[in-house]
Amino acid sequence: MQKILLCDDEVMNRKVASKILKKEGFEVVEAENGAEALEILKHEKFDLILMDLMMPVMDGYEATKIIKSDENLLNIPLIVISALSDKSAVTKALELGANEYVTKPFDIIEFRLRIKNAIKLGSYHTLLEEEVSKKTGELQDALREVIKSEKDIVSILGKTAEFRDNETSAHTLRVGEMAALIAQKFGWSSAEVELMRLAAPMHDMGKVGIADKILLKPGKLDENEFAIMKTHAKIGHTILSQKDTPLLHLAAEIAYTHHEKYDGSGYPKGLSGDAIPLSGAIVSVVDVFDALLSERPYKKAFSLEKTLEIITNDSGGHFHPEVVEHFLNSIDEILKIRDSLQDA
């Protein structure tokens, strides 16, 4: 049974309206003023509100304003029923959010029709909201699946690059976690930090395009070999730019710029200073830090002291000074990440 809240301070008015409404099959709850109506609305749900204007304690204007400002109540159809018939009263009530305005004494047939139409409109609105909510939920589920698939693909790509290189098994994961930590120190949003965590491990994606004799060479590369090795930044950018999603866009940016140097002596474009995207500048520091501490076929692992000395001395040269500052201030957290992600 559909339920109507009838708010009027005159007992006789309530009796007349209530009798008509009950005869039409509605359940009616009565209130003597706006304050009482609001209290009832805290505990019961209604399909329609009938609101008088001139009442003691709280008039209909104030009650209507409060109801239509409450997101839990604003969609309930509200009809003002008042003896005030001047244009200003009607305009004010409608401006406050009333859906209809009926002047007393009302025509019974018109009154019934307006009630039924208002409730029907409210029902349509409710059905529309439910359908929108359902479709929104379905879209969100689909979006989550797309994001999950994208994350899975990126993870697979990262492993692919890692298996071809001679880097240690957890290096890319550590770079992702460290880069996310530094991004957080720069005030990035939680969503941006998560993107960094997922994108940073892709920094050397382009190495899949480098020949094994160069990529896996145990000794120092000669000039020609190093020139070829440097192309991995461009190759990684090309691979990761095939789709322009936020995650792949950031991954492509990092792959392309994490070998740029603050003083302009890096590659592939020789960018300098703030022309280097912050994402690439962050990954540059954490990538070098982790690589220096890791043993490779062509080098022994550096000590922590020596590694920090190199990072500090290269601030303003190789590395972005502000990134280095955040990195050094976060060294305890950085070392915890290394300890938690040991090589297999």
C-alpha atoms as a PDB file:
ATOM      1  CA  MET A   1       0.000   0.000   0.000  1.00  0.00           C
ATOM      2  CA  GLN A   2       1.337   3.440  -0.959  1.00  0.00           C
ATOM      3  CA  LYS A   3       1.827   5.791   1.956  1.00  0.00           C
ATOM      4  CA  ILE A   4       1.242   9.551   2.158  1.00  0.00           C
ATOM      5  CA  LEU A   5       2.436  11.994   4.813  1.00  0.00           C
ATOM      6  CA  LEU A   6      -0.213  14.664   5.360  1.00  0.00           C
ATOM      7  CA  CYS A   7       1.075  17.767   7.155  1.00  0.00           C
ATOM      8  CA  ASP A   8      -1.513  20.395   8.183  1.00  0.00           C
ATOM      9  CA  ASP A   9      -2.178  22.155  11.496  1.00  0.00           C
ATOM     10  CA  GLU A  10      -5.965  22.244  10.950  1.00  0.00           C
ATOM     11  CA  VAL A  11      -7.663  19.079  12.223  1.00  0.00           C
ATOM     12  CA  MET A  12     -10.664  19.461   9.893  1.00  0.00           C
ATOM     13  CA  ASN A  13      -8.416  19.867   6.837  1.00  0.00           C
ATOM     14  CA  ARG A  14      -6.557  16.702   7.763  1.00  0.00           C
ATOM     15  CA  LYS A  15      -9.791  14.750   8.270  1.00  0.00           C
ATOM     16  CA  VAL A  16     -11.194  15.767   4.876  1.00  0.00           C
ATOM     17  CA  ALA A  17      -7.977  15.071   2.961  1.00  0.00           C
ATOM     18  CA  SER A  18      -7.326  11.854   4.877  1.00  0.00           C
ATOM     19  CA  LYS A  19     -10.821  10.525   4.138  1.00  0.00           C
ATOM     20  CA  ILE A  20     -10.376  11.143   0.395  1.00  0.00           C
ATOM     21  CA  LEU A  21      -6.944   9.552   0.354  1.00  0.00           C
ATOM     22  CA  LYS A  22      -7.952   6.458   2.319  1.00  0.00           C
ATOM     23  CA  LYS A  23     -10.937   5.972   0.028  1.00  0.00           C
ATOM     24  CA  GLU A  24      -8.443   5.882  -2.864  1.00  0.00           C
ATOM     25  CA  GLY A  25      -6.533   3.108  -1.102  1.00  0.00           C
ATOM     26  CA  PHE A  26      -3.645   5.093   0.373  1.00  0.00           C
ATOM     27  CA  GLU A  27      -2.231   4.744   3.876  1.00  0.00           C
ATOM     28  CA  VAL A  28      -2.136   8.172   5.541  1.00  0.00           C
ATOM     29  CA  VAL A  29       0.125   9.407   8.363  1.00  0.00           C
ATOM     30  CA  GLU A  30      -0.728  12.834   9.812  1.00  0.00           C
ATOM     31  CA  ALA A  31       1.497  15.591  11.189  1.00  0.00           C
ATOM     32  CA  GLU A  32       0.451  18.915  12.755  1.00  0.00           C
ATOM     33  CA  ASN A  33       3.475  20.983  11.670  1.00  0.00           C
ATOM     34  CA  GLY A  34       6.741  20.856   9.752  1.00  0.00           C
ATOM     35  CA  ALA A  35       8.838  19.799  12.724  1.00  0.00           C
ATOM     36  CA  GLU A  36       6.593  16.814  13.426  1.00  0.00           C
ATOM     37  CA  ALA A  37       6.650  15.866   9.744  1.00  0.00           C
ATOM     38  CA  LEU A  38      10.453  15.880   9.701  1.00  0.00           C
ATOM     39  CA  GLU A  39      10.585  13.683  12.785  1.00  0.00           C
ATOM     40  CA  ILE A  40       8.227  11.175  11.178  1.00  0.00           C
ATOM     41  CA  LEU A  41      10.317  11.171   8.005  1.00  0.00           C
ATOM     42  CA  LYS A  42      13.333  10.011  10.019  1.00  0.00           C
ATOM     43  CA  HIS A  43      11.613   6.715  10.761  1.00  0.00           C
ATOM     44  CA  GLU A  44       9.169   6.018   7.925  1.00  0.00           C
ATOM     45  CA  LYS A  45       9.235   5.966   4.135  1.00  0.00           C
ATOM     46  CA  PHE A  46       6.573   7.736   2.069  1.00  0.00           C
ATOM     47  CA  ASP A  47       5.470   7.840  -1.540  1.00  0.00           C
ATOM     48  CA  LEU A  48       4.132  11.402  -1.295  1.00  0.00           C
ATOM     49  CA  ILE A  49       4.142  14.407   1.053  1.00  0.00           C
ATOM     50  CA  LEU A  50       1.244  16.860   1.292  1.00  0.00           C
ATOM     51  CA  MET A  51       2.425  20.079   2.933  1.00  0.00           C
ATOM     52  CA  ASP A  52       0.458  23.036   4.270  1.00  0.00           C
ATOM     53  CA  LEU A  53       2.328  26.351   4.445  1.00  0.00           C
ATOM     54  CA  MET A  54       1.016  28.377   7.370  1.00  0.00           C
ATOM     55  CA  MET A  55       1.648  26.278  10.512  1.00  0.00           C
ATOM     56  CA  PRO A  56       3.005  26.898  14.030  1.00  0.00           C
ATOM     57  CA  VAL A  57       6.391  25.624  15.308  1.00  0.00           C
ATOM     58  CA  MET A  58       7.722  25.142  11.751  1.00  0.00           C
ATOM     59  CA  ASP A  59       5.880  26.333   8.664  1.00  0.00           C
ATOM     60  CA  GLY A  60       5.662  24.514   5.346  1.00  0.00           C
ATOM     61  CA  TYR A  61       8.260  26.697   3.662  1.00  0.00           C
ATOM     62  CA  GLU A  62      10.978  25.716   6.143  1.00  0.00           C
ATOM     63  CA  ALA A  63       9.947  22.060   6.162  1.00  0.00           C
ATOM     64  CA  THR A  64       9.927  21.916   2.354  1.00  0.00           C
ATOM     65  CA  LYS A  65      13.365  23.546   2.215  1.00  0.00           C
ATOM     66  CA  ILE A  66      14.812  20.978   4.640  1.00  0.00           C
ATOM     67  CA  ILE A  67      13.177  18.025   2.868  1.00  0.00           C
ATOM     68  CA  LYS A  68      14.397  19.093  -0.557  1.00  0.00           C
ATOM     69  CA  SER A  69      17.923  19.661   0.777  1.00  0.00           C
ATOM     70  CA  ASP A  70      18.160  16.117   2.140  1.00  0.00           C
ATOM     71  CA  GLU A  71      19.452  13.607  -0.422  1.00  0.00           C
ATOM     72  CA  ASN A  72      17.472  10.852   1.304  1.00  0.00           C
ATOM     73  CA  LEU A  73      14.187  12.762   1.007  1.00  0.00           C
ATOM     74  CA  LEU A  74      14.439  15.116  -1.956  1.00  0.00           C
ATOM     75  CA  ASN A  75      13.038  12.621  -4.467  1.00  0.00           C
ATOM     76  CA  ILE A  76       9.770  12.133  -2.573  1.00  0.00           C
ATOM     77  CA  PRO A  77       7.090  14.058  -4.534  1.00  0.00           C
ATOM     78  CA  LEU A  78       5.824  16.996  -2.457  1.00  0.00           C
ATOM     79  CA  ILE A  79       2.579  18.848  -3.073  1.00  0.00           C
ATOM     80  CA  VAL A  80       1.873  22.099  -1.257  1.00  0.00           C
ATOM     81  CA  ILE A  81      -1.777  22.492  -0.218  1.00  0.00           C
ATOM     82  CA  SER A  82      -2.470  26.003   1.043  1.00  0.00           C
ATOM     83  CA  ALA A  83      -5.124  28.686   1.294  1.00  0.00           C
ATOM     84  CA  LEU A  84      -2.491  31.169   0.091  1.00  0.00           C
ATOM     85  CA  SER A  85      -3.194  31.754  -3.576  1.00  0.00           C
ATOM     86  CA  ASP A  86      -1.053  34.805  -4.353  1.00  0.00           C
ATOM     87  CA  LYS A  87       1.652  34.363  -6.967  1.00  0.00           C
ATOM     88  CA  SER A  88       4.528  35.052  -4.564  1.00  0.00           C
ATOM     89  CA  ALA A  89       3.472  32.196  -2.249  1.00  0.00           C
ATOM     90  CA  VAL A  90       3.201  29.770  -5.164  1.00  0.00           C
ATOM     91  CA  THR A  91       6.552  30.893  -6.600  1.00  0.00           C
ATOM     92  CA  LYS A  92       8.347  30.615  -3.264  1.00  0.00           C
ATOM     93  CA  ALA A  93       7.041  27.091  -2.635  1.00  0.00           C
ATOM     94  CA  LEU A  94       8.026  25.906  -6.103  1.00  0.00           C
ATOM     95  CA  GLU A  95      11.476  27.520  -5.791  1.00  0.00           C
ATOM     96  CA  LEU A  96      12.025  25.543  -2.583  1.00  0.00           C
ATOM     97  CA  GLY A  97      11.422  22.340  -4.507  1.00  0.00           C
ATOM     98  CA  ALA A  98       7.691  21.625  -4.240  1.00  0.00           C
ATOM     99  CA  ASN A  99       6.471  19.571  -7.196  1.00  0.00           C
ATOM    100  CA  GLU A 100       2.896  20.841  -7.208  1.00  0.00           C
ATOM    101  CA  TYR A 101       0.783  23.590  -5.616  1.00  0.00           C
ATOM    102  CA  VAL A 102      -2.902  23.061  -4.850  1.00  0.00           C
ATOM    103  CA  THR A 103      -5.014  25.916  -3.480  1.00  0.00           C
ATOM    104  CA  LYS A 104      -7.628  25.316  -0.772  1.00  0.00           C
ATOM    105  CA  PRO A 105     -10.472  24.693  -0.962  1.00  0.00           C
ATOM    106  CA  PHE A 106      -9.514  22.145  -3.621  1.00  0.00           C
ATOM    107  CA  ASP A 107     -11.603  20.367  -6.214  1.00  0.00           C
ATOM    108  CA  ILE A 108     -11.848  16.717  -5.113  1.00  0.00           C
ATOM    109  CA  ILE A 109     -11.514  15.255  -8.622  1.00  0.00           C
ATOM    110  CA  GLU A 110      -8.509  17.481  -9.410  1.00  0.00           C
ATOM    111  CA  PHE A 111      -7.020  16.650  -6.006  1.00  0.00           C
ATOM    112  CA  ARG A 112      -7.270  12.883  -6.665  1.00  0.00           C
ATOM    113  CA  LEU A 113      -5.704  13.224 -10.109  1.00  0.00           C
ATOM    114  CA  ARG A 114      -2.825  15.361  -8.874  1.00  0.00           C
ATOM    115  CA  ILE A 115      -2.118  12.868  -6.073  1.00  0.00           C
ATOM    116  CA  LYS A 116      -2.111   9.889  -8.435  1.00  0.00           C
ATOM    117  CA  ASN A 117       0.026  11.685 -11.032  1.00  0.00           C
ATOM    118  CA  ALA A 118       2.545  12.792  -8.415  1.00  0.00           C
ATOM    119  CA  ILE A 119       2.880   9.263  -7.003  1.00  0.00           C
ATOM    120  CA  LYS A 120       3.166   7.810 -10.505  1.00  0.00           C
ATOM    121  CA  LEU A 121       5.909  10.319 -11.305  1.00  0.00           C
ATOM    122  CA  GLY A 122       7.693   9.394  -8.079  1.00  0.00           C
ATOM    123  CA  SER A 123       7.450   5.698  -8.957  1.00  0.00           C
ATOM    124  CA  TYR A 124       8.925   6.345 -12.401  1.00  0.00           C
ATOM    125  CA  HIS A 125      11.740   8.321 -10.808  1.00  0.00           C
ATOM    126  CA  THR A 126      12.444   5.487  -8.364  1.00  0.00           C
ATOM    127  CA  LEU A 127      12.460   2.907 -11.158  1.00  0.00           C
ATOM    128  CA  LEU A 128      14.777   5.124 -13.201  1.00  0.00           C
ATOM    129  CA  GLU A 129      17.144   5.533 -10.251  1.00  0.00           C
ATOM    130  CA  GLU A 130      17.168   1.777  -9.669  1.00  0.00           C
ATOM    131  CA  GLU A 131      17.885   1.119 -13.338  1.00  0.00           C
ATOM    132  CA  VAL A 132      20.650   3.742 -13.404  1.00  0.00           C
ATOM    133  CA  SER A 133      22.120   2.264 -10.221  1.00  0.00           C
ATOM    134  CA  LYS A 134      21.975  -1.225 -11.738  1.00  0.00           C
ATOM    135  CA  LYS A 135      23.612  -0.126 -14.983  1.00  0.00           C
ATOM    136  CA  THR A 136      26.201   1.888 -13.082  1.00  0.00           C
ATOM    137  CA  GLY A 137      27.028  -1.190 -11.022  1.00  0.00           C
ATOM    138  CA  GLU A 138      27.336  -3.282 -14.183  1.00  0.00           C
ATOM    139  CA  LEU A 139      29.603  -0.675 -15.777  1.00  0.00           C
ATOM    140  CA  GLN A 140      31.746  -0.499 -12.642  1.00  0.00           C
ATOM    141  CA  ASP A 141      32.064  -4.300 -12.623  1.00  0.00           C
ATOM    142  CA  ALA A 142      33.052  -4.248 -16.285  1.00  0.00           C
ATOM    143  CA  LEU A 143      35.530  -1.442 -15.663  1.00  0.00           C
ATOM    144  CA  ARG A 144      37.090  -3.366 -12.786  1.00  0.00           C
ATOM    145  CA  GLU A 145      37.515  -6.361 -15.074  1.00  0.00           C
ATOM    146  CA  VAL A 146      39.136  -4.176 -17.745  1.00  0.00           C
ATOM    147  CA  ILE A 147      41.491  -2.635 -15.178  1.00  0.00           C
ATOM    148  CA  LYS A 148      42.332  -6.067 -13.784  1.00  0.00           C
ATOM    149  CA  SER A 149      43.043  -7.372 -17.277  1.00  0.00           C
ATOM    150  CA  GLU A 150      45.225  -4.357 -17.997  1.00  0.00           C
ATOM    151  CA  LYS A 151      47.153  -4.862 -14.763  1.00  0.00           C
ATOM    152  CA  ASP A 152      47.636  -8.546 -15.569  1.00  0.00           C
ATOM    153  CA  ILE A 153      48.922  -7.716 -19.056  1.00  0.00           C
ATOM    154  CA  VAL A 154      51.331  -5.115 -17.688  1.00  0.00           C
ATOM    155  CA  SER A 155      52.594  -7.607 -15.098  1.00  0.00           C
ATOM    156  CA  ILE A 156      53.192 -10.201 -17.829  1.00  0.00           C
ATOM    157  CA  LEU A 157      55.045  -7.637 -19.936  1.00  0.00           C
ATOM    158  CA  GLY A 158      57.228  -6.789 -16.966  1.00  0.00           C
ATOM    159  CA  LYS A 159      58.106 -10.431 -16.414  1.00  0.00           C
ATOM    160  CA  THR A 160      58.838 -10.831 -20.115  1.00  0.00           C
ATOM    161  CA  ALA A 161      61.388  -8.001 -20.031  1.00  0.00           C
ATOM    162  CA  GLU A 162      62.839  -9.318 -16.770  1.00  0.00           C
ATOM    163  CA  PHE A 163      63.405 -12.857 -18.112  1.00  0.00           C
ATOM    164  CA  ARG A 164      65.347 -11.505 -21.091  1.00  0.00           C
ATOM    165  CA  ASP A 165      67.625  -9.334 -18.973  1.00  0.00           C
ATOM    166  CA  ASN A 166      70.276 -10.271 -16.467  1.00  0.00           C
ATOM    167  CA  GLU A 167      68.645  -8.237 -13.737  1.00  0.00           C
ATOM    168  CA  THR A 168      67.739  -9.848 -10.442  1.00  0.00           C
ATOM    169  CA  SER A 169      64.308 -11.420 -10.138  1.00  0.00           C
ATOM    170  CA  ALA A 170      62.660  -8.918  -7.788  1.00  0.00           C
ATOM    171  CA  HIS A 171      64.286  -5.762  -9.175  1.00  0.00           C
ATOM    172  CA  THR A 172      61.237  -4.594 -11.132  1.00  0.00           C
ATOM    173  CA  LEU A 173      58.920  -5.147  -8.163  1.00  0.00           C
ATOM    174  CA  ARG A 174      61.214  -3.171  -5.873  1.00  0.00           C
ATOM    175  CA  VAL A 175      61.418  -0.342  -8.388  1.00  0.00           C
ATOM    176  CA  GLY A 176      57.602  -0.224  -8.513  1.00  0.00           C
ATOM    177  CA  GLU A 177      57.222  -0.098  -4.731  1.00  0.00           C
ATOM    178  CA  MET A 178      60.027   2.444  -4.225  1.00  0.00           C
ATOM    179  CA  ALA A 179      58.740   4.675  -7.018  1.00  0.00           C
ATOM    180  CA  ALA A 180      55.226   4.556  -5.530  1.00  0.00           C
ATOM    181  CA  LEU A 181      56.621   5.574  -2.136  1.00  0.00           C
ATOM    182  CA  ILE A 182      58.465   8.593  -3.578  1.00  0.00           C
ATOM    183  CA  ALA A 183      55.423   9.606  -5.639  1.00  0.00           C
ATOM    184  CA  GLN A 184      53.434   9.584  -2.402  1.00  0.00           C
ATOM    185  CA  LYS A 185      56.027  11.887  -0.810  1.00  0.00           C
ATOM    186  CA  PHE A 186      55.408  14.329  -3.663  1.00  0.00           C
ATOM    187  CA  GLY A 187      51.725  14.426  -2.723  1.00  0.00           C
ATOM    188  CA  TRP A 188      50.350  12.322  -5.547  1.00  0.00           C
ATOM    189  CA  SER A 189      46.827  11.009  -5.037  1.00  0.00           C
ATOM    190  CA  SER A 190      46.303   7.396  -3.992  1.00  0.00           C
ATOM    191  CA  ALA A 191      45.140   6.552  -7.539  1.00  0.00           C
ATOM    192  CA  GLU A 192      48.247   8.153  -9.052  1.00  0.00           C
ATOM    193  CA  VAL A 193      50.504   6.349  -6.576  1.00  0.00           C
ATOM    194  CA  GLU A 194      48.893   3.036  -7.512  1.00  0.00           C
ATOM    195  CA  LEU A 195      49.459   3.766 -11.195  1.00  0.00           C
ATOM    196  CA  MET A 196      53.116   4.453 -10.432  1.00  0.00           C
ATOM    197  CA  ARG A 197      53.391   1.151  -8.532  1.00  0.00           C
ATOM    198  CA  LEU A 198      52.072  -0.700 -11.588  1.00  0.00           C
ATOM    199  CA  ALA A 199      53.790   1.335 -14.310  1.00  0.00           C
ATOM    200  CA  ALA A 200      57.332   1.694 -12.908  1.00  0.00           C
ATOM    201  CA  PRO A 201      58.205  -2.029 -13.316  1.00  0.00           C
ATOM    202  CA  MET A 202      57.787  -1.467 -17.081  1.00  0.00           C
ATOM    203  CA  HIS A 203      60.720   0.956 -17.230  1.00  0.00           C
ATOM    204  CA  ASP A 204      62.975  -1.434 -19.198  1.00  0.00           C
ATOM    205  CA  MET A 205      60.250  -2.962 -21.369  1.00  0.00           C
ATOM    206  CA  GLY A 206      62.199  -1.945 -24.467  1.00  0.00           C
ATOM    207  CA  LYS A 207      65.002  -4.376 -23.678  1.00  0.00           C
ATOM    208  CA  VAL A 208      62.925  -7.086 -25.341  1.00  0.00           C
ATOM    209  CA  GLY A 209      64.025  -5.487 -28.585  1.00  0.00           C
ATOM    210  CA  ILE A 210      67.780  -5.623 -27.836  1.00  0.00           C
ATOM    211  CA  ALA A 211      69.862  -8.520 -29.166  1.00  0.00           C
ATOM    212  CA  ASP A 212      71.084 -11.039 -26.572  1.00  0.00           C
ATOM    213  CA  LYS A 213      74.741 -10.524 -27.475  1.00  0.00           C
ATOM    214  CA  ILE A 214      74.402  -6.929 -26.275  1.00  0.00           C
ATOM    215  CA  LEU A 215      71.787  -7.328 -23.570  1.00  0.00           C
ATOM    216  CA  LEU A 216      73.526 -10.248 -21.888  1.00  0.00           C
ATOM    217  CA  LYS A 217      77.129  -9.230 -22.491  1.00  0.00           C
ATOM    218  CA  PRO A 218      79.066  -9.791 -19.224  1.00  0.00           C
ATOM    219  CA  GLY A 219      81.567  -6.995 -19.815  1.00  0.00           C
ATOM    220  CA  LYS A 220      81.374  -3.291 -20.616  1.00  0.00           C
ATOM    221  CA  LEU A 221      79.619  -2.341 -23.844  1.00  0.00           C
ATOM    222  CA  ASP A 222      81.592  -0.624 -26.576  1.00  0.00           C
ATOM    223  CA  GLU A 223      80.411   2.630 -28.134  1.00  0.00           C
ATOM    224  CA  ASN A 224      78.339   1.014 -30.875  1.00  0.00           C
ATOM    225  CA  GLU A 225      76.822  -1.538 -28.514  1.00  0.00           C
ATOM    226  CA  PHE A 226      75.886   1.169 -26.031  1.00  0.00           C
ATOM    227  CA  ALA A 227      74.259   3.191 -28.821  1.00  0.00           C
ATOM    228  CA  ILE A 228      72.094   0.171 -29.607  1.00  0.00           C
ATOM    229  CA  MET A 229      71.359  -0.433 -25.928  1.00  0.00           C
ATOM    230  CA  LYS A 230      70.124   3.130 -25.553  1.00  0.00           C
ATOM    231  CA  THR A 231      67.388   2.475 -28.108  1.00  0.00           C
ATOM    232  CA  HIS A 232      65.524   0.378 -25.519  1.00  0.00           C
ATOM    233  CA  ALA A 233      64.000   3.593 -24.137  1.00  0.00           C
ATOM    234  CA  LYS A 234      62.372   4.398 -27.470  1.00  0.00           C
ATOM    235  CA  ILE A 235      61.404   0.758 -28.068  1.00  0.00           C
ATOM    236  CA  GLY A 236      59.715   0.547 -24.655  1.00  0.00           C
ATOM    237  CA  HIS A 237      57.822   3.763 -25.330  1.00  0.00           C
ATOM    238  CA  THR A 238      56.632   2.440 -28.688  1.00  0.00           C
ATOM    239  CA  ILE A 239      55.436  -0.861 -27.211  1.00  0.00           C
ATOM    240  CA  LEU A 240      53.607   0.749 -24.300  1.00  0.00           C
ATOM    241  CA  SER A 241      52.020   3.515 -26.401  1.00  0.00           C
ATOM    242  CA  GLN A 242      49.828   1.146 -28.410  1.00  0.00           C
ATOM    243  CA  LYS A 243      46.866   1.933 -26.132  1.00  0.00           C
ATOM    244  CA  ASP A 244      46.350   5.298 -24.428  1.00  0.00           C
ATOM    245  CA  THR A 245      45.052   4.227 -21.021  1.00  0.00           C
ATOM    246  CA  PRO A 246      46.246   6.063 -17.869  1.00  0.00           C
ATOM    247  CA  LEU A 247      48.361   3.079 -16.814  1.00  0.00           C
ATOM    248  CA  LEU A 248      50.005   2.464 -20.175  1.00  0.00           C
ATOM    249  CA  HIS A 249      50.468   6.190 -20.767  1.00  0.00           C
ATOM    250  CA  LEU A 250      52.432   6.486 -17.518  1.00  0.00           C
ATOM    251  CA  ALA A 251      54.385   3.293 -18.243  1.00  0.00           C
ATOM    252  CA  ALA A 252      55.337   4.603 -21.704  1.00  0.00           C
ATOM    253  CA  GLU A 253      56.393   7.955 -20.230  1.00  0.00           C
ATOM    254  CA  ILE A 254      58.625   6.240 -17.667  1.00  0.00           C
ATOM    255  CA  ALA A 255      60.151   3.866 -20.224  1.00  0.00           C
ATOM    256  CA  TYR A 256      61.030   6.836 -22.444  1.00  0.00           C
ATOM    257  CA  THR A 257      62.432   9.200 -19.800  1.00  0.00           C
ATOM    258  CA  HIS A 258      63.988   7.243 -16.921  1.00  0.00           C
ATOM    259  CA  HIS A 259      67.449   7.509 -18.536  1.00  0.00           C
ATOM    260  CA  GLU A 260      67.256  11.287 -18.935  1.00  0.00           C
ATOM    261  CA  LYS A 261      69.536  13.230 -16.586  1.00  0.00           C
ATOM    262  CA  TYR A 262      68.828  16.436 -14.728  1.00  0.00           C
ATOM    263  CA  ASP A 263      71.855  18.156 -16.313  1.00  0.00           C
ATOM    264  CA  GLY A 264      70.734  17.221 -19.841  1.00  0.00           C
ATOM    265  CA  SER A 265      73.384  14.565 -20.498  1.00  0.00           C
ATOM    266  CA  GLY A 266      70.973  11.606 -20.550  1.00  0.00           C
ATOM    267  CA  TYR A 267      69.082   9.900 -23.359  1.00  0.00           C
ATOM    268  CA  PRO A 268      67.151   9.493 -25.610  1.00  0.00           C
ATOM    269  CA  LYS A 269      66.241  13.199 -25.989  1.00  0.00           C
ATOM    270  CA  GLY A 270      68.739  14.950 -23.723  1.00  0.00           C
ATOM    271  CA  LEU A 271      66.023  16.536 -21.600  1.00  0.00           C
ATOM    272  CA  SER A 272      67.069  18.553 -18.564  1.00  0.00           C
ATOM    273  CA  GLY A 273      65.629  19.924 -15.326  1.00  0.00           C
ATOM    274  CA  ASP A 274      61.868  20.018 -15.036  1.00  0.00           C
ATOM    275  CA  ALA A 275      61.478  19.144 -18.713  1.00  0.00           C
ATOM    276  CA  ILE A 276      61.966  15.563 -17.544  1.00  0.00           C
ATOM    277  CA  PRO A 277      58.600  14.152 -16.366  1.00  0.00           C
ATOM    278  CA  LEU A 278      58.608  13.614 -12.616  1.00  0.00           C
ATOM    279  CA  SER A 279      57.659   9.965 -13.158  1.00  0.00           C
ATOM    280  CA  GLY A 280      60.857   9.349 -15.113  1.00  0.00           C
ATOM    281  CA  ALA A 281      62.956  11.341 -12.633  1.00  0.00           C
ATOM    282  CA  ILE A 282      61.638   9.258  -9.727  1.00  0.00           C
ATOM    283  CA  VAL A 283      62.235   5.923 -11.438  1.00  0.00           C
ATOM    284  CA  SER A 284      65.729   7.068 -12.448  1.00  0.00           C
ATOM    285  CA  VAL A 285      66.779   7.363  -8.796  1.00  0.00           C
ATOM    286  CA  VAL A 286      65.188   4.173  -7.465  1.00  0.00           C
ATOM    287  CA  ASP A 287      66.287   2.111 -10.473  1.00  0.00           C
ATOM    288  CA  VAL A 288      69.953   3.137 -10.095  1.00  0.00           C
ATOM    289  CA  PHE A 289      69.807   2.714  -6.313  1.00  0.00           C
ATOM    290  CA  ASP A 290      68.503  -0.845  -6.529  1.00  0.00           C
ATOM    291  CA  ALA A 291      70.838  -1.764  -9.405  1.00  0.00           C
ATOM    292  CA  LEU A 292      73.914  -0.539  -7.501  1.00  0.00           C
ATOM    293  CA  LEU A 293      72.995  -2.675  -4.490  1.00  0.00           C
ATOM    294  CA  SER A 294      72.423  -5.749  -6.679  1.00  0.00           C
ATOM    295  CA  GLU A 295      75.072  -8.135  -7.935  1.00  0.00           C
ATOM    296  CA  ARG A 296      75.198  -8.634 -11.692  1.00  0.00           C
ATOM    297  CA  PRO A 297      77.335 -10.865 -13.934  1.00  0.00           C
ATOM    298  CA  TYR A 298      79.428  -7.823 -14.845  1.00  0.00           C
ATOM    299  CA  LYS A 299      79.750  -6.257 -11.359  1.00  0.00           C
ATOM    300  CA  LYS A 300      79.725  -6.862  -7.640  1.00  0.00           C
ATOM    301  CA  ALA A 301      77.048  -5.329  -5.414  1.00  0.00           C
ATOM    302  CA  PHE A 302      77.971  -1.934  -3.971  1.00  0.00           C
ATOM    303  CA  SER A 303      77.681  -1.297  -0.242  1.00  0.00           C
ATOM    304  CA  LEU A 304      74.774   0.795   1.035  1.00  0.00           C
ATOM    305  CA  GLU A 305      77.171   3.550   2.093  1.00  0.00           C
ATOM    306  CA  LYS A 306      78.789   3.721  -1.361  1.00  0.00           C
ATOM    307  CA  THR A 307      75.423   3.596  -3.104  1.00  0.00           C
ATOM    308  CA  LEU A 308      74.011   6.471  -1.037  1.00  0.00           C
ATOM    309  CA  GLU A 309      77.193   8.434  -1.656  1.00  0.00           C
ATOM    310  CA  ILE A 310      76.742   8.051  -5.422  1.00  0.00           C
ATOM    311  CA  ILE A 311      73.070   9.072  -5.258  1.00  0.00           C
ATOM    312  CA  THR A 312      73.892  12.097  -3.099  1.00  0.00           C
ATOM    313  CA  ASN A 313      76.832  13.252  -5.221  1.00  0.00           C
ATOM    314  CA  ASP A 314      74.798  12.949  -8.434  1.00  0.00           C
ATOM    315  CA  SER A 315      71.972  15.155  -7.122  1.00  0.00           C
ATOM    316  CA  GLY A 316      71.592  18.015  -9.592  1.00  0.00           C
ATOM    317  CA  GLY A 317      73.699  16.139 -12.158  1.00  0.00           C
ATOM    318  CA  HIS A 318      72.229  12.767 -12.967  1.00  0.00           C
ATOM    319  CA  PHE A 319      69.291  13.057 -10.579  1.00  0.00           C
ATOM    320  CA  HIS A 320      66.513  15.533  -9.832  1.00  0.00           C
ATOM    321  CA  PRO A 321      67.515  17.211  -6.514  1.00  0.00           C
ATOM    322  CA  GLU A 322      64.011  17.159  -5.049  1.00  0.00           C
ATOM    323  CA  VAL A 323      63.614  13.471  -5.862  1.00  0.00           C
ATOM    324  CA  VAL A 324      66.943  12.748  -4.173  1.00  0.00           C
ATOM    325  CA  GLU A 325      65.837  14.746  -1.122  1.00  0.00           C
ATOM    326  CA  HIS A 326      62.598  12.780  -0.751  1.00  0.00           C
ATOM    327  CA  PHE A 327      64.486   9.560  -1.403  1.00  0.00           C
ATOM    328  CA  LEU A 328      67.122  10.165   1.283  1.00  0.00           C
ATOM    329  CA  ASN A 329      64.476  11.315   3.780  1.00  0.00           C
ATOM    330  CA  SER A 330      62.635   8.046   3.142  1.00  0.00           C
ATOM    331  CA  ILE A 331      65.646   5.730   3.216  1.00  0.00           C
ATOM    332  CA  ASP A 332      64.355   3.664   6.148  1.00  0.00           C
ATOM    333  CA  GLU A 333      61.137   2.916   4.244  1.00  0.00           C
ATOM    334  CA  ILE A 334      63.133   2.252   1.070  1.00  0.00           C
ATOM    335  CA  LEU A 335      65.305  -0.313   2.852  1.00  0.00           C
ATOM    336  CA  LYS A 336      62.211  -2.023   4.266  1.00  0.00           C
ATOM    337  CA  ILE A 337      60.961  -2.453   0.699  1.00  0.00           C
ATOM    338  CA  ARG A 338      64.264  -4.059  -0.296  1.00  0.00           C
ATOM    339  CA  ASP A 339      64.141  -6.368   2.703  1.00  0.00           C
ATOM    340  CA  SER A 340      60.558  -7.404   1.971  1.00  0.00           C
ATOM    341  CA  LEU A 341      61.201  -8.161  -1.715  1.00  0.00           C
ATOM    342  CA  GLN A 342      64.297 -10.312  -1.764  1.00  0.00           C
ATOM    343  CA  ASP A 343      65.566 -11.977  -4.926  1.00  0.00           C
ATOM    344  CA  ALA A 344      64.529 -15.590  -5.446  1.00  0.00           C
END
